[in-house]
Amino acid sequence: MCEILAAAWPEPRPFALLLPYVRKMERLGVAGFGWGVAWLSGGFVEAYRCAGAVAGDRRGRLELASVVSTRFLVHLRRPSRLSTTQLADTQPFLQGEGRFAFCHNGSFHRHERYRPGFAGRLHGSADSEIAFRLFEELLPHSPDVPAALHEVVDRLGGSANLGYLGADGRLLVRFGHRANLVWRFGIDDGDMAATELHSRDDSLFDLVFQEATERIHVVDVAELDPGRAAVAAPARIER
């Protein structure tokens, strides 16, 4: 039941601009079991994570008030297993050297068979962290980021909306969870993507992003680019 929000702007914007949307997505998406945000900062990716809800995280809101960036990747958590509600399982996961951040919405079927291979590198117990470590391992050997994202899902099986933010500024969202579609849209001069709150209607826009334009479904991998409008033709979605 997690939700993902990604935003790319041509010029740095404060995280405070996104915060009202984040709070609405958390409440309407029935999240609140942990949240985090990653952002681009001086050629590196930085991140903040909290095992509680945005609504109750006053310290985090104050800490992030001064954060300004051109790229943000937000994850709002509602875990499949409530026993994994801890900081170690909170997303986005940040690669140790700040090269990228990664997050997941969905569930993997074959994650446990990979757990022993990452012994010593896992800090939590959620399937998403196994996907993060597998992606970290695959990325240097893949032709590109989308290929590595697809390979993670091919190996682990299951459903997966994935988010990626790289230190080079690349911000990608992969669709692969049919119970929670991904929308791409514009707000002002920004290019944004968000999961639909597990609500197969227009609630994401009626209740959260009312001013959004150029609304389209993501059907594979979308690389957000504030230099162009999100004008890809919408694909047919089975309902």
Protein backbone atom coordinates (compact mmCIF):
# COMPACT_ATOMS: atom_id res chain seq x y z
CA MET A 1 0.00 0.00 0.00
CA CYS A 2 2.99 2.32 -0.34
CA GLU A 3 2.94 5.47 -2.46
CA ILE A 4 5.67 7.14 -4.53
CA LEU A 5 6.02 10.78 -5.60
CA ALA A 6 8.79 12.10 -7.86
CA ALA A 7 9.36 15.70 -8.92
CA ALA A 8 11.85 17.34 -11.30
CA TRP A 9 12.22 21.09 -11.84
CA PRO A 10 14.51 23.14 -14.10
CA GLU A 11 15.55 25.33 -11.15
CA PRO A 12 15.93 24.47 -7.46
CA ARG A 13 12.72 24.49 -5.47
CA PRO A 14 12.17 24.06 -1.71
CA PHE A 15 10.91 20.75 -0.40
CA ALA A 16 8.32 22.81 1.45
CA LEU A 17 6.59 23.24 -1.92
CA LEU A 18 5.99 19.49 -2.08
CA LEU A 19 5.12 18.95 1.56
CA PRO A 20 1.38 19.74 1.32
CA TYR A 21 1.04 17.18 -1.49
CA VAL A 22 3.04 14.64 0.50
CA ARG A 23 0.81 15.03 3.54
CA LYS A 24 -2.34 14.58 1.46
CA MET A 25 -0.91 11.49 -0.27
CA GLU A 26 -0.01 9.97 3.08
CA ARG A 27 -3.49 10.51 4.52
CA LEU A 28 -5.47 9.44 1.45
CA GLY A 29 -3.12 6.57 0.59
CA VAL A 30 -3.53 5.03 4.05
CA ALA A 31 0.22 5.24 4.64
CA GLY A 32 1.85 6.62 7.80
CA PHE A 33 4.08 3.65 8.68
CA GLY A 34 7.29 5.42 7.70
CA TRP A 35 8.26 7.95 5.10
CA GLY A 36 11.33 9.40 3.41
CA VAL A 37 12.60 11.73 0.75
CA ALA A 38 15.77 11.76 -1.35
CA TRP A 39 17.06 14.79 -3.20
CA LEU A 40 19.88 15.90 -5.47
CA SER A 41 22.55 17.93 -3.69
CA GLY A 42 25.83 19.07 -5.24
CA GLY A 43 26.46 16.01 -7.37
CA PHE A 44 25.32 13.57 -4.68
CA VAL A 45 22.02 12.19 -3.46
CA GLU A 46 21.00 12.85 0.13
CA ALA A 47 18.06 11.39 2.02
CA TYR A 48 15.93 11.75 5.10
CA ARG A 49 13.89 8.87 6.57
CA CYS A 50 11.51 8.54 9.50
CA ALA A 51 9.80 5.39 10.78
CA GLY A 52 6.68 7.38 11.68
CA ALA A 53 4.16 9.43 9.74
CA VAL A 54 4.79 12.75 8.02
CA ALA A 55 1.91 14.22 9.98
CA GLY A 56 3.63 13.55 13.29
CA ASP A 57 7.22 14.20 12.21
CA ARG A 58 7.67 17.79 13.27
CA ARG A 59 11.44 17.41 13.61
CA GLY A 60 11.70 16.13 10.07
CA ARG A 61 9.56 18.89 8.64
CA LEU A 62 11.75 21.48 10.36
CA GLU A 63 14.95 19.78 9.22
CA LEU A 64 13.76 19.65 5.63
CA ALA A 65 12.47 23.21 5.58
CA SER A 66 15.84 24.46 4.31
CA VAL A 67 16.29 21.76 1.65
CA VAL A 68 16.24 23.11 -1.91
CA SER A 69 16.80 20.94 -4.99
CA THR A 70 15.81 20.28 -8.60
CA ARG A 71 14.98 16.62 -7.90
CA PHE A 72 12.96 14.89 -5.18
CA LEU A 73 11.91 11.26 -4.68
CA VAL A 74 9.38 10.63 -1.89
CA HIS A 75 8.21 7.30 -0.47
CA LEU A 76 5.21 6.88 1.85
CA ARG A 77 5.03 3.49 3.50
CA ARG A 78 2.28 1.05 4.32
CA PRO A 79 4.16 -2.29 4.60
CA SER A 80 2.73 -5.65 3.60
CA ARG A 81 4.01 -6.97 6.93
CA LEU A 82 3.61 -4.65 9.90
CA SER A 83 6.53 -6.38 11.62
CA THR A 84 8.81 -4.50 9.20
CA THR A 85 7.80 -1.08 10.50
CA GLN A 86 11.23 0.17 11.52
CA LEU A 87 13.74 2.74 10.30
CA ALA A 88 15.91 0.12 8.58
CA ASP A 89 13.00 -0.79 6.31
CA THR A 90 11.97 2.81 5.62
CA GLN A 91 12.54 4.18 2.13
CA PRO A 92 13.99 5.57 -0.09
CA PHE A 93 17.12 3.50 0.46
CA LEU A 94 20.29 5.49 -0.11
CA GLN A 95 23.42 3.97 -1.62
CA GLY A 96 26.28 4.47 0.83
CA GLU A 97 28.29 6.90 -1.28
CA GLY A 98 25.26 8.94 -2.28
CA ARG A 99 25.29 7.68 -5.87
CA PHE A 100 21.56 6.91 -5.97
CA ALA A 101 18.33 6.39 -4.01
CA PHE A 102 15.83 3.61 -4.65
CA CYS A 103 12.27 2.86 -3.51
CA HIS A 104 9.55 0.26 -4.13
CA ASN A 105 5.77 -0.06 -4.01
CA GLY A 106 4.42 -3.59 -4.32
CA SER A 107 5.60 -7.04 -3.24
CA PHE A 108 8.14 -9.58 -4.47
CA HIS A 109 7.51 -13.33 -4.58
CA ARG A 110 11.06 -14.68 -4.66
CA HIS A 111 12.91 -12.26 -2.38
CA GLU A 112 13.74 -14.78 0.36
CA ARG A 113 15.87 -16.92 -1.92
CA TYR A 114 18.15 -13.91 -2.42
CA ARG A 115 18.40 -12.92 1.25
CA PRO A 116 21.33 -15.23 2.13
CA GLY A 117 23.40 -13.77 -0.71
CA PHE A 118 23.18 -10.30 0.83
CA ALA A 119 24.03 -11.36 4.37
CA GLY A 120 25.90 -8.56 6.12
CA ARG A 121 24.50 -5.92 3.77
CA LEU A 122 20.88 -6.00 4.94
CA HIS A 123 19.79 -3.88 7.89
CA GLY A 124 16.05 -4.62 7.86
CA SER A 125 13.69 -7.45 6.97
CA ALA A 126 11.52 -6.08 4.14
CA ASP A 127 11.55 -7.44 0.59
CA SER A 128 12.22 -3.92 -0.75
CA GLU A 129 15.69 -3.80 0.78
CA ILE A 130 16.61 -7.03 -1.00
CA ALA A 131 15.49 -5.40 -4.26
CA PHE A 132 17.64 -2.37 -3.43
CA ARG A 133 20.74 -4.50 -2.83
CA LEU A 134 20.11 -6.53 -5.97
CA PHE A 135 19.73 -3.32 -8.00
CA GLU A 136 22.96 -1.98 -6.49
CA GLU A 137 24.71 -5.15 -7.63
CA LEU A 138 23.19 -5.19 -11.12
CA LEU A 139 23.52 -1.50 -12.01
CA PRO A 140 27.26 -1.44 -12.88
CA HIS A 141 26.75 -4.36 -15.29
CA SER A 142 23.51 -3.22 -16.97
CA PRO A 143 23.30 -1.25 -20.21
CA ASP A 144 21.23 1.43 -18.50
CA VAL A 145 19.17 2.19 -15.41
CA PRO A 146 15.81 1.01 -16.85
CA ALA A 147 17.37 -2.34 -17.75
CA ALA A 148 18.61 -2.79 -14.19
CA LEU A 149 15.17 -1.90 -12.80
CA HIS A 150 13.51 -4.45 -15.07
CA GLU A 151 16.08 -7.11 -14.17
CA VAL A 152 15.35 -6.70 -10.47
CA VAL A 153 11.66 -7.42 -11.05
CA ASP A 154 12.39 -10.29 -13.45
CA ARG A 155 14.52 -11.99 -10.82
CA LEU A 156 12.39 -11.32 -7.75
CA GLY A 157 8.96 -11.70 -9.38
CA GLY A 158 5.79 -10.03 -8.18
CA SER A 159 4.57 -6.47 -8.53
CA ALA A 160 6.79 -3.41 -8.50
CA ASN A 161 6.49 0.29 -8.97
CA LEU A 162 10.07 1.49 -8.54
CA GLY A 163 11.64 4.91 -8.06
CA TYR A 164 15.26 5.88 -8.78
CA LEU A 165 17.21 9.10 -8.30
CA GLY A 166 20.83 9.21 -9.44
CA ALA A 167 23.62 11.60 -8.53
CA ASP A 168 23.67 12.67 -12.18
CA GLY A 169 20.11 14.00 -11.79
CA ARG A 170 18.33 11.14 -13.55
CA LEU A 171 14.93 10.59 -11.95
CA LEU A 172 12.98 7.54 -13.10
CA VAL A 173 9.74 5.84 -12.10
CA ARG A 174 8.98 2.30 -13.27
CA PHE A 175 5.39 1.08 -13.46
CA GLY A 176 4.69 -2.56 -12.66
CA HIS A 177 1.98 -2.73 -9.97
CA ARG A 178 -1.40 -2.92 -11.66
CA ALA A 179 -3.24 -2.35 -8.38
CA ASN A 180 -1.61 1.07 -8.05
CA LEU A 181 -1.12 2.80 -11.39
CA VAL A 182 1.51 5.51 -11.91
CA TRP A 183 0.58 8.89 -13.35
CA ARG A 184 2.91 11.42 -14.93
CA PHE A 185 1.86 15.06 -15.06
CA GLY A 186 3.03 18.66 -15.01
CA ILE A 187 2.68 21.35 -12.38
CA ASP A 188 3.93 24.77 -13.42
CA ASP A 189 7.32 24.04 -15.04
CA GLY A 190 7.88 20.77 -13.19
CA ASP A 191 7.63 17.19 -14.45
CA MET A 192 6.11 14.90 -11.82
CA ALA A 193 4.98 11.31 -11.29
CA ALA A 194 2.91 9.73 -8.53
CA THR A 195 1.14 6.50 -7.69
CA GLU A 196 -2.66 6.72 -7.68
CA LEU A 197 -3.35 6.11 -3.95
CA HIS A 198 -4.65 2.61 -4.73
CA SER A 199 -7.77 4.34 -6.00
CA ARG A 200 -8.81 3.47 -9.56
CA ASP A 201 -10.45 6.81 -10.30
CA ASP A 202 -9.44 10.47 -10.53
CA SER A 203 -8.92 10.97 -6.79
CA LEU A 204 -5.18 11.64 -7.15
CA PHE A 205 -6.06 14.76 -9.12
CA ASP A 206 -9.42 15.64 -7.60
CA LEU A 207 -8.04 15.55 -4.05
CA VAL A 208 -4.28 16.15 -4.29
CA PHE A 209 -2.93 17.57 -7.56
CA GLN A 210 -5.89 19.61 -8.79
CA GLU A 211 -3.70 21.90 -10.91
CA ALA A 212 -1.92 19.07 -12.73
CA THR A 213 -1.74 19.19 -16.53
CA GLU A 214 -0.73 16.69 -19.24
CA ARG A 215 -1.90 13.69 -17.21
CA ILE A 216 -0.79 10.36 -18.64
CA HIS A 217 -0.33 6.82 -17.38
CA VAL A 218 3.21 5.50 -17.10
CA VAL A 219 3.26 2.11 -18.83
CA ASP A 220 6.95 1.21 -18.60
CA VAL A 221 9.66 3.54 -17.28
CA ALA A 222 9.30 7.32 -17.24
CA GLU A 223 12.40 9.50 -16.95
CA LEU A 224 11.26 12.85 -15.63
CA ASP A 225 12.55 15.84 -17.53
CA PRO A 226 11.44 19.38 -16.64
CA GLY A 227 12.70 20.59 -20.01
CA ARG A 228 9.74 19.11 -21.79
CA ALA A 229 6.06 18.58 -21.13
CA ALA A 230 4.78 15.09 -20.38
CA VAL A 231 3.09 14.64 -23.76
CA ALA A 232 3.38 10.91 -24.46
CA ALA A 233 0.12 9.45 -25.70
CA PRO A 234 -1.84 7.72 -22.94
CA ALA A 235 -1.92 3.96 -23.25
CA ARG A 236 -4.98 1.77 -22.88
CA ILE A 237 -5.27 0.52 -19.30
CA GLU A 238 -7.33 -2.58 -18.47
CA ARG A 239 -9.70 -1.79 -15.62
